[in-house]
């Protein structure tokens, strides 16, 4: 981001070489095992954005239809300042078994040091079993910007204006 003479911030588009370096950049996230049988997050492929999180319950867990259960991972993390951990559904268990995080996307702040847990909700009409050691969600580490919120009497006009849901057309 670059601040112009008018005080507005603009996104600076990096050159291709710089963008490639940023895309390939890695950061280190320290993980602490809280339980002996906990499994560290693992990326499923070379280009995977999310690392799999595993259930660490010591036994199979039954989740009734429309029920939400907090599933332990047995891990805590030290996410670097300026980053957040986002917990997303795994597409396989979400689409095939109806199991997905209850809050859709969990947010782990960089100052949180408690156990990483997943509020897994059963959207199906069948009881679902989650095995100990099963992949239950995926963790994506992302940088974020903190905004300064300023009250204003007016906002800049746009072509869309106050058009809400569905106002930009149909697929």
N, C-alpha and C. Protein backbone atom coordinates (compact mmCIF):
# COMPACT_ATOMS: atom_id res chain seq x y z
N UNK A 1 0.85 -1.17 0.00
CA UNK A 1 0.00 0.00 0.00
C UNK A 1 0.90 1.23 0.00
N UNK A 2 0.47 2.23 -0.76
CA UNK A 2 1.19 3.50 -0.84
C UNK A 2 0.20 4.61 -0.53
N UNK A 3 0.62 5.56 0.32
CA UNK A 3 -0.24 6.69 0.61
C UNK A 3 0.12 7.83 -0.33
N UNK A 4 -0.89 8.30 -1.07
CA UNK A 4 -0.68 9.39 -2.03
C UNK A 4 -0.70 10.74 -1.35
N UNK A 5 -0.39 11.78 -2.11
CA UNK A 5 -0.37 13.14 -1.59
C UNK A 5 -1.74 13.56 -1.07
N UNK A 6 -2.81 12.96 -1.62
CA UNK A 6 -4.17 13.30 -1.17
C UNK A 6 -4.56 12.58 0.12
N UNK A 7 -3.64 11.77 0.66
CA UNK A 7 -3.91 11.05 1.91
C UNK A 7 -4.56 9.69 1.73
N UNK A 8 -4.96 9.37 0.51
CA UNK A 8 -5.60 8.08 0.25
C UNK A 8 -4.54 7.00 0.07
N UNK A 9 -4.91 5.78 0.46
CA UNK A 9 -4.02 4.65 0.28
C UNK A 9 -4.35 3.95 -1.03
N UNK A 10 -3.34 3.53 -1.74
CA UNK A 10 -3.51 2.81 -3.00
C UNK A 10 -2.68 1.54 -2.94
N UNK A 11 -3.19 0.51 -3.56
CA UNK A 11 -2.47 -0.75 -3.61
C UNK A 11 -1.37 -0.64 -4.65
N UNK A 12 -0.15 -0.94 -4.23
CA UNK A 12 0.97 -0.93 -5.15
C UNK A 12 1.10 -2.33 -5.73
N UNK A 13 1.04 -2.44 -7.04
CA UNK A 13 1.16 -3.72 -7.71
C UNK A 13 2.65 -4.00 -7.92
N UNK A 14 3.17 -5.05 -7.28
CA UNK A 14 4.60 -5.34 -7.42
C UNK A 14 4.91 -5.89 -8.81
N UNK A 15 6.19 -5.79 -9.20
CA UNK A 15 6.58 -6.37 -10.49
C UNK A 15 6.52 -7.89 -10.35
N UNK A 16 6.55 -8.60 -11.47
CA UNK A 16 6.37 -10.05 -11.47
C UNK A 16 7.39 -10.76 -10.59
N UNK A 17 8.63 -10.35 -10.63
CA UNK A 17 9.66 -11.00 -9.81
C UNK A 17 9.39 -10.84 -8.33
N UNK A 18 9.01 -9.65 -7.92
CA UNK A 18 8.72 -9.39 -6.51
C UNK A 18 7.46 -10.16 -6.08
N UNK A 19 6.46 -10.18 -6.93
CA UNK A 19 5.22 -10.90 -6.61
C UNK A 19 5.51 -12.39 -6.45
N UNK A 20 6.31 -12.95 -7.34
CA UNK A 20 6.68 -14.37 -7.26
C UNK A 20 7.38 -14.66 -5.93
N UNK A 21 8.29 -13.77 -5.52
CA UNK A 21 8.99 -13.95 -4.25
C UNK A 21 8.01 -13.91 -3.08
N UNK A 22 7.06 -12.97 -3.12
CA UNK A 22 6.07 -12.86 -2.06
C UNK A 22 5.19 -14.10 -2.00
N UNK A 23 4.82 -14.62 -3.16
CA UNK A 23 3.96 -15.80 -3.22
C UNK A 23 4.69 -17.03 -2.67
N UNK A 24 5.99 -17.08 -2.85
CA UNK A 24 6.78 -18.22 -2.42
C UNK A 24 7.32 -18.06 -1.00
N UNK A 25 7.15 -16.86 -0.44
CA UNK A 25 7.68 -16.60 0.90
C UNK A 25 7.00 -17.52 1.92
N UNK A 26 7.78 -17.93 2.89
CA UNK A 26 7.24 -18.76 3.96
C UNK A 26 7.47 -18.06 5.27
N UNK A 27 6.65 -18.36 6.22
CA UNK A 27 6.84 -17.88 7.57
C UNK A 27 6.83 -19.11 8.48
N UNK A 28 7.45 -18.98 9.60
CA UNK A 28 7.51 -20.09 10.55
C UNK A 28 6.44 -19.92 11.60
N UNK A 29 5.69 -20.97 11.84
CA UNK A 29 4.68 -20.99 12.89
C UNK A 29 5.10 -22.07 13.89
N UNK A 30 5.38 -21.65 15.11
CA UNK A 30 5.73 -22.61 16.15
C UNK A 30 4.47 -23.31 16.63
N UNK A 31 4.56 -24.64 16.73
CA UNK A 31 3.44 -25.47 17.18
C UNK A 31 3.87 -26.22 18.43
N UNK A 32 3.02 -26.21 19.42
CA UNK A 32 3.28 -26.94 20.66
C UNK A 32 2.27 -28.08 20.78
N UNK A 33 2.78 -29.29 20.98
CA UNK A 33 1.90 -30.43 21.22
C UNK A 33 1.43 -30.40 22.66
N UNK A 34 0.13 -30.38 22.85
CA UNK A 34 -0.45 -30.41 24.19
C UNK A 34 -0.77 -31.83 24.62
N UNK A 35 -0.86 -32.72 23.64
CA UNK A 35 -1.12 -34.14 23.89
C UNK A 35 -0.11 -34.95 23.07
N UNK A 36 0.33 -36.04 23.62
CA UNK A 36 1.35 -36.86 22.98
C UNK A 36 0.97 -37.34 21.59
N UNK A 37 -0.31 -37.69 21.41
CA UNK A 37 -0.75 -38.24 20.12
C UNK A 37 -1.20 -37.18 19.11
N UNK A 38 -1.00 -35.90 19.42
CA UNK A 38 -1.38 -34.82 18.49
C UNK A 38 -0.51 -34.90 17.23
N UNK A 39 -1.10 -34.51 16.11
CA UNK A 39 -0.41 -34.53 14.82
C UNK A 39 -0.21 -33.09 14.36
N UNK A 40 1.03 -32.74 14.00
CA UNK A 40 1.31 -31.40 13.49
C UNK A 40 0.55 -31.18 12.18
N UNK A 41 0.15 -29.94 11.87
CA UNK A 41 -0.51 -29.66 10.58
C UNK A 41 0.37 -30.10 9.41
N UNK A 42 -0.27 -30.65 8.39
CA UNK A 42 0.45 -31.17 7.23
C UNK A 42 -0.22 -30.67 5.96
N UNK A 43 0.60 -30.17 5.01
CA UNK A 43 0.08 -29.79 3.69
C UNK A 43 -0.07 -31.04 2.85
N UNK A 44 -1.23 -31.17 2.18
CA UNK A 44 -1.51 -32.36 1.39
C UNK A 44 -0.81 -32.41 0.05
N UNK A 45 -0.35 -31.27 -0.44
CA UNK A 45 0.36 -31.24 -1.72
C UNK A 45 1.32 -30.05 -1.73
N UNK A 46 2.16 -30.02 -2.72
CA UNK A 46 3.19 -28.96 -2.84
C UNK A 46 2.59 -27.56 -2.90
N UNK A 47 1.44 -27.40 -3.54
CA UNK A 47 0.84 -26.07 -3.72
C UNK A 47 -0.38 -25.83 -2.83
N UNK A 48 -0.62 -26.72 -1.86
CA UNK A 48 -1.78 -26.57 -0.98
C UNK A 48 -1.67 -25.29 -0.16
N UNK A 49 -2.75 -24.54 -0.07
CA UNK A 49 -2.80 -23.32 0.75
C UNK A 49 -3.08 -23.65 2.20
N UNK A 50 -3.86 -24.71 2.43
CA UNK A 50 -4.24 -25.08 3.79
C UNK A 50 -3.53 -26.33 4.24
N UNK A 51 -3.12 -26.32 5.52
CA UNK A 51 -2.51 -27.49 6.15
C UNK A 51 -3.60 -28.21 6.94
N UNK A 52 -3.66 -29.52 6.81
CA UNK A 52 -4.69 -30.30 7.48
C UNK A 52 -4.50 -30.29 8.99
N UNK A 53 -5.63 -30.15 9.70
CA UNK A 53 -5.68 -30.27 11.15
C UNK A 53 -6.34 -31.61 11.47
N UNK A 54 -5.84 -32.28 12.51
CA UNK A 54 -6.27 -33.63 12.84
C UNK A 54 -6.98 -33.67 14.19
N UNK A 55 -8.00 -34.51 14.29
CA UNK A 55 -8.69 -34.71 15.56
C UNK A 55 -7.75 -35.39 16.54
N UNK A 56 -7.77 -34.94 17.78
CA UNK A 56 -6.95 -35.53 18.84
C UNK A 56 -7.84 -35.71 20.06
N UNK A 57 -8.66 -36.74 20.01
CA UNK A 57 -9.65 -36.98 21.06
C UNK A 57 -9.35 -38.24 21.87
N UNK A 58 -8.53 -39.13 21.35
CA UNK A 58 -8.26 -40.38 22.05
C UNK A 58 -9.30 -41.45 21.79
N UNK A 59 -10.39 -41.09 21.13
CA UNK A 59 -11.46 -42.03 20.81
C UNK A 59 -12.30 -41.43 19.69
N UNK A 60 -13.13 -42.27 19.08
CA UNK A 60 -14.04 -41.80 18.05
C UNK A 60 -15.11 -40.91 18.69
N UNK A 61 -15.48 -39.84 17.99
CA UNK A 61 -16.51 -38.91 18.45
C UNK A 61 -17.73 -39.05 17.54
N UNK A 62 -18.91 -39.12 18.13
CA UNK A 62 -20.16 -39.17 17.38
C UNK A 62 -20.78 -37.78 17.38
N UNK A 63 -21.15 -37.29 16.19
CA UNK A 63 -21.80 -35.99 16.09
C UNK A 63 -23.20 -36.23 15.51
N UNK A 64 -24.19 -35.92 16.30
CA UNK A 64 -25.58 -36.12 15.89
C UNK A 64 -25.98 -35.12 14.80
N UNK A 65 -27.03 -35.40 14.03
CA UNK A 65 -27.51 -34.46 13.01
C UNK A 65 -27.79 -33.08 13.64
N UNK A 66 -27.33 -32.05 12.96
CA UNK A 66 -27.52 -30.66 13.38
C UNK A 66 -26.84 -30.32 14.71
N UNK A 67 -25.91 -31.14 15.16
CA UNK A 67 -25.18 -30.91 16.40
C UNK A 67 -23.80 -30.34 16.10
N UNK A 68 -23.28 -29.51 17.00
CA UNK A 68 -21.94 -28.97 16.92
C UNK A 68 -21.13 -29.51 18.09
N UNK A 69 -19.94 -30.01 17.80
CA UNK A 69 -19.05 -30.55 18.82
C UNK A 69 -17.69 -29.90 18.68
N UNK A 70 -17.12 -29.49 19.80
CA UNK A 70 -15.76 -28.95 19.80
C UNK A 70 -14.78 -30.11 19.71
N UNK A 71 -14.00 -30.14 18.64
CA UNK A 71 -13.03 -31.21 18.42
C UNK A 71 -11.63 -30.67 18.76
N UNK A 72 -10.94 -31.38 19.63
CA UNK A 72 -9.58 -31.00 20.03
C UNK A 72 -8.58 -31.38 18.95
N UNK A 73 -7.55 -30.56 18.79
CA UNK A 73 -6.43 -30.92 17.92
C UNK A 73 -5.20 -31.30 18.74
N UNK A 74 -5.20 -30.96 20.02
CA UNK A 74 -4.05 -31.25 20.87
C UNK A 74 -2.86 -30.34 20.59
N UNK A 75 -3.11 -29.22 19.90
CA UNK A 75 -2.03 -28.31 19.51
C UNK A 75 -2.33 -26.88 19.95
N UNK A 76 -1.29 -26.13 20.20
CA UNK A 76 -1.40 -24.68 20.31
C UNK A 76 -0.34 -24.10 19.37
N UNK A 77 -0.53 -22.85 18.98
CA UNK A 77 0.33 -22.27 17.95
C UNK A 77 0.78 -20.87 18.33
N UNK A 78 1.94 -20.51 17.82
CA UNK A 78 2.45 -19.14 17.94
C UNK A 78 2.47 -18.55 16.53
N UNK A 79 1.35 -17.94 16.18
CA UNK A 79 1.24 -17.33 14.85
C UNK A 79 1.94 -15.97 14.92
N UNK A 80 2.82 -15.68 13.97
CA UNK A 80 3.57 -14.43 14.02
C UNK A 80 2.67 -13.19 13.97
N UNK A 81 3.15 -12.11 14.57
CA UNK A 81 2.42 -10.83 14.51
C UNK A 81 2.25 -10.45 13.05
N UNK A 82 1.10 -9.87 12.74
CA UNK A 82 0.81 -9.48 11.37
C UNK A 82 0.17 -10.59 10.55
N UNK A 83 -0.01 -11.76 11.16
CA UNK A 83 -0.62 -12.91 10.50
C UNK A 83 -1.80 -13.40 11.33
N UNK A 84 -2.68 -14.14 10.71
CA UNK A 84 -3.77 -14.81 11.40
C UNK A 84 -3.88 -16.21 10.84
N UNK A 85 -4.42 -17.11 11.63
CA UNK A 85 -4.71 -18.45 11.15
C UNK A 85 -6.19 -18.53 10.86
N UNK A 86 -6.55 -19.00 9.68
CA UNK A 86 -7.95 -19.18 9.31
C UNK A 86 -8.24 -20.67 9.20
N UNK A 87 -9.28 -21.11 9.88
CA UNK A 87 -9.66 -22.52 9.84
C UNK A 87 -10.86 -22.68 8.91
N UNK A 88 -10.65 -23.47 7.87
CA UNK A 88 -11.67 -23.73 6.86
C UNK A 88 -12.07 -25.20 6.86
N UNK A 89 -13.21 -25.48 6.25
CA UNK A 89 -13.66 -26.86 6.08
C UNK A 89 -12.73 -27.60 5.13
N UNK A 90 -12.66 -28.89 5.29
CA UNK A 90 -12.02 -29.76 4.31
C UNK A 90 -13.13 -30.16 3.34
N UNK A 91 -12.88 -30.01 2.07
CA UNK A 91 -13.96 -30.22 1.10
C UNK A 91 -14.51 -31.65 1.12
N UNK A 92 -13.68 -32.63 1.36
CA UNK A 92 -14.13 -34.03 1.35
C UNK A 92 -15.16 -34.31 2.42
N UNK A 93 -14.86 -34.02 3.68
CA UNK A 93 -15.83 -34.34 4.74
C UNK A 93 -17.00 -33.37 4.73
N UNK A 94 -16.80 -32.18 4.19
CA UNK A 94 -17.92 -31.23 4.12
C UNK A 94 -18.93 -31.68 3.06
N UNK A 95 -18.45 -32.02 1.86
CA UNK A 95 -19.36 -32.37 0.77
C UNK A 95 -19.89 -33.80 0.87
N UNK A 96 -19.10 -34.71 1.38
CA UNK A 96 -19.52 -36.11 1.43
C UNK A 96 -20.24 -36.50 2.72
N UNK A 97 -19.87 -35.81 3.83
CA UNK A 97 -20.44 -36.22 5.12
C UNK A 97 -21.15 -35.09 5.85
N UNK A 98 -21.11 -33.88 5.30
CA UNK A 98 -21.83 -32.76 5.91
C UNK A 98 -21.17 -32.17 7.14
N UNK A 99 -19.88 -32.43 7.34
CA UNK A 99 -19.16 -31.92 8.51
C UNK A 99 -18.31 -30.72 8.13
N UNK A 100 -18.56 -29.60 8.79
CA UNK A 100 -17.82 -28.37 8.49
C UNK A 100 -17.79 -27.50 9.74
N UNK A 101 -16.81 -26.59 9.83
CA UNK A 101 -16.77 -25.69 10.99
C UNK A 101 -18.10 -24.94 11.14
N UNK A 102 -18.60 -24.89 12.36
CA UNK A 102 -19.90 -24.26 12.64
C UNK A 102 -19.89 -22.78 12.30
N UNK A 103 -18.76 -22.11 12.51
CA UNK A 103 -18.67 -20.68 12.25
C UNK A 103 -18.17 -20.39 10.84
N UNK A 104 -18.13 -21.40 10.00
CA UNK A 104 -17.71 -21.34 8.59
C UNK A 104 -16.22 -21.08 8.44
N UNK A 105 -15.70 -20.03 9.06
CA UNK A 105 -14.26 -19.76 9.06
C UNK A 105 -13.87 -19.36 10.48
N UNK A 106 -12.98 -20.13 11.07
CA UNK A 106 -12.47 -19.77 12.38
C UNK A 106 -11.27 -18.85 12.23
N UNK A 107 -11.12 -17.91 13.14
CA UNK A 107 -10.00 -16.97 13.10
C UNK A 107 -9.15 -17.17 14.34
N UNK A 108 -7.86 -17.40 14.13
CA UNK A 108 -6.91 -17.52 15.24
C UNK A 108 -6.02 -16.29 15.20
N UNK A 109 -6.13 -15.46 16.22
CA UNK A 109 -5.31 -14.24 16.31
C UNK A 109 -3.89 -14.59 16.74
N UNK A 110 -2.95 -13.73 16.38
CA UNK A 110 -1.55 -13.99 16.67
C UNK A 110 -1.23 -13.98 18.16
N UNK A 111 -2.09 -13.40 18.99
CA UNK A 111 -1.82 -13.38 20.43
C UNK A 111 -2.53 -14.51 21.19
N UNK A 112 -3.22 -15.41 20.48
CA UNK A 112 -3.89 -16.54 21.12
C UNK A 112 -2.91 -17.69 21.30
N UNK A 113 -2.87 -18.26 22.49
CA UNK A 113 -1.95 -19.37 22.77
C UNK A 113 -2.65 -20.61 23.29
N UNK A 114 -3.98 -20.62 23.28
CA UNK A 114 -4.72 -21.79 23.75
C UNK A 114 -4.77 -22.88 22.70
N UNK A 115 -5.45 -23.97 23.05
CA UNK A 115 -5.54 -25.10 22.12
C UNK A 115 -6.35 -24.73 20.88
N UNK A 116 -5.87 -25.17 19.73
CA UNK A 116 -6.61 -25.01 18.48
C UNK A 116 -7.72 -26.06 18.49
N UNK A 117 -8.95 -25.59 18.41
CA UNK A 117 -10.09 -26.49 18.41
C UNK A 117 -10.98 -26.13 17.22
N UNK A 118 -11.72 -27.10 16.76
CA UNK A 118 -12.61 -26.90 15.62
C UNK A 118 -14.04 -27.21 16.07
N UNK A 119 -14.91 -26.22 15.96
CA UNK A 119 -16.34 -26.41 16.25
C UNK A 119 -16.95 -27.07 15.02
N UNK A 120 -16.96 -28.39 15.02
CA UNK A 120 -17.42 -29.14 13.85
C UNK A 120 -18.92 -29.37 13.94
N UNK A 121 -19.64 -28.94 12.90
CA UNK A 121 -21.10 -29.05 12.86
C UNK A 121 -21.50 -30.12 11.83
N UNK A 122 -22.47 -30.92 12.21
CA UNK A 122 -23.01 -31.95 11.32
C UNK A 122 -24.24 -31.39 10.62
N UNK A 123 -24.09 -31.02 9.36
CA UNK A 123 -25.19 -30.46 8.57
C UNK A 123 -26.09 -31.54 7.97
N UNK A 124 -25.71 -32.80 8.13
CA UNK A 124 -26.47 -33.88 7.51
C UNK A 124 -27.60 -34.35 8.43
N UNK A 125 -28.36 -35.34 7.94
CA UNK A 125 -29.44 -35.94 8.73
C UNK A 125 -29.01 -37.28 9.32
N UNK A 126 -27.72 -37.59 9.20
CA UNK A 126 -27.17 -38.85 9.71
C UNK A 126 -26.16 -38.56 10.81
N UNK A 127 -26.06 -39.45 11.80
CA UNK A 127 -25.02 -39.33 12.81
C UNK A 127 -23.68 -39.55 12.11
N UNK A 128 -22.71 -38.71 12.42
CA UNK A 128 -21.39 -38.81 11.78
C UNK A 128 -20.34 -39.13 12.84
N UNK A 129 -19.43 -40.00 12.48
CA UNK A 129 -18.34 -40.36 13.38
C UNK A 129 -17.06 -39.66 12.91
N UNK A 130 -16.32 -39.14 13.88
CA UNK A 130 -15.00 -38.55 13.61
C UNK A 130 -13.99 -39.40 14.35
N UNK A 131 -13.10 -40.04 13.60
CA UNK A 131 -12.09 -40.92 14.19
C UNK A 131 -10.95 -40.11 14.79
N UNK A 132 -10.37 -40.62 15.85
CA UNK A 132 -9.17 -40.01 16.40
C UNK A 132 -8.09 -40.02 15.33
N UNK A 133 -7.45 -38.90 15.10
CA UNK A 133 -6.41 -38.81 14.07
C UNK A 133 -6.93 -38.47 12.69
N UNK A 134 -8.24 -38.30 12.53
CA UNK A 134 -8.83 -37.97 11.23
C UNK A 134 -8.61 -36.49 10.91
N UNK A 135 -8.44 -36.18 9.63
CA UNK A 135 -8.33 -34.79 9.18
C UNK A 135 -9.70 -34.13 9.28
N UNK A 136 -9.79 -33.02 10.02
CA UNK A 136 -11.09 -32.42 10.31
C UNK A 136 -11.28 -31.02 9.73
N UNK A 137 -10.21 -30.34 9.41
CA UNK A 137 -10.28 -28.96 8.90
C UNK A 137 -8.93 -28.62 8.31
N UNK A 138 -8.83 -27.42 7.74
CA UNK A 138 -7.53 -26.98 7.24
C UNK A 138 -7.22 -25.59 7.75
N UNK A 139 -5.94 -25.37 8.00
CA UNK A 139 -5.44 -24.12 8.55
C UNK A 139 -4.67 -23.37 7.47
N UNK A 140 -5.08 -22.11 7.24
CA UNK A 140 -4.40 -21.24 6.28
C UNK A 140 -3.84 -20.06 7.06
N UNK A 141 -2.56 -19.79 6.89
CA UNK A 141 -1.90 -18.66 7.55
C UNK A 141 -1.88 -17.51 6.56
N UNK A 142 -2.43 -16.35 6.97
CA UNK A 142 -2.53 -15.21 6.06
C UNK A 142 -2.07 -13.93 6.75
N UNK A 143 -1.46 -13.02 5.97
CA UNK A 143 -1.16 -11.69 6.53
C UNK A 143 -2.45 -10.87 6.55
N UNK A 144 -2.50 -9.89 7.42
CA UNK A 144 -3.68 -9.04 7.46
C UNK A 144 -3.26 -7.59 7.69
N UNK A 145 -4.17 -6.69 7.39
CA UNK A 145 -3.98 -5.26 7.64
C UNK A 145 -4.95 -4.85 8.73
N UNK A 146 -4.49 -4.05 9.67
CA UNK A 146 -5.39 -3.48 10.68
C UNK A 146 -5.80 -2.11 10.17
N UNK A 147 -7.08 -1.85 10.22
CA UNK A 147 -7.62 -0.59 9.72
C UNK A 147 -7.82 0.40 10.87
N UNK A 148 -7.74 1.65 10.54
CA UNK A 148 -8.15 2.69 11.48
C UNK A 148 -9.53 3.12 11.03
N UNK A 149 -10.52 2.95 11.89
CA UNK A 149 -11.89 3.26 11.54
C UNK A 149 -12.19 4.70 11.96
N UNK A 150 -12.62 5.50 10.99
CA UNK A 150 -12.90 6.90 11.22
C UNK A 150 -14.35 7.19 10.85
N UNK A 151 -15.08 7.80 11.77
CA UNK A 151 -16.47 8.15 11.48
C UNK A 151 -16.49 9.26 10.43
N UNK A 152 -17.43 9.14 9.47
CA UNK A 152 -17.55 10.13 8.40
C UNK A 152 -19.01 10.48 8.19
N UNK A 153 -19.26 11.70 7.81
CA UNK A 153 -20.63 12.14 7.50
C UNK A 153 -21.08 11.64 6.13
N UNK A 154 -20.13 11.54 5.20
CA UNK A 154 -20.43 11.08 3.84
C UNK A 154 -19.36 10.12 3.38
N UNK A 155 -19.73 9.27 2.42
CA UNK A 155 -18.80 8.35 1.80
C UNK A 155 -18.71 8.68 0.32
N UNK A 156 -17.59 8.35 -0.28
CA UNK A 156 -17.38 8.61 -1.70
C UNK A 156 -18.43 7.84 -2.52
N UNK A 157 -18.99 8.50 -3.53
CA UNK A 157 -19.99 7.88 -4.40
C UNK A 157 -19.31 6.84 -5.30
N UNK A 158 -20.07 5.76 -5.61
CA UNK A 158 -19.60 4.73 -6.54
C UNK A 158 -20.74 4.39 -7.50
N UNK A 159 -20.43 3.67 -8.55
CA UNK A 159 -21.44 3.25 -9.49
C UNK A 159 -22.44 2.29 -8.87
N UNK A 160 -22.02 1.48 -7.95
CA UNK A 160 -22.90 0.51 -7.30
C UNK A 160 -23.77 1.19 -6.24
N UNK A 161 -23.21 2.15 -5.55
CA UNK A 161 -23.98 2.84 -4.52
C UNK A 161 -24.38 1.93 -3.39
N UNK A 162 -25.66 1.95 -3.05
CA UNK A 162 -26.17 1.16 -1.93
C UNK A 162 -26.74 -0.18 -2.38
N UNK A 163 -26.49 -0.56 -3.63
CA UNK A 163 -26.99 -1.85 -4.12
C UNK A 163 -26.45 -2.99 -3.29
N UNK A 164 -27.33 -3.83 -2.76
CA UNK A 164 -26.94 -4.91 -1.87
C UNK A 164 -26.85 -6.24 -2.55
N UNK A 165 -27.28 -7.27 -1.85
CA UNK A 165 -27.17 -8.65 -2.33
C UNK A 165 -27.79 -8.80 -3.72
N UNK A 166 -27.01 -9.31 -4.65
CA UNK A 166 -27.50 -9.56 -6.00
C UNK A 166 -27.60 -8.34 -6.89
N UNK A 167 -27.08 -7.22 -6.43
CA UNK A 167 -27.25 -5.97 -7.21
C UNK A 167 -26.29 -5.84 -8.37
N UNK A 168 -25.27 -6.69 -8.46
CA UNK A 168 -24.29 -6.54 -9.54
C UNK A 168 -24.54 -7.50 -10.69
N UNK A 169 -25.69 -8.15 -10.71
CA UNK A 169 -26.01 -9.02 -11.84
C UNK A 169 -26.17 -10.46 -11.44
N UNK A 170 -26.43 -11.29 -12.44
CA UNK A 170 -26.64 -12.72 -12.22
C UNK A 170 -25.55 -13.51 -12.88
N UNK A 171 -25.36 -14.73 -12.36
CA UNK A 171 -24.38 -15.66 -12.96
C UNK A 171 -24.98 -16.33 -14.15
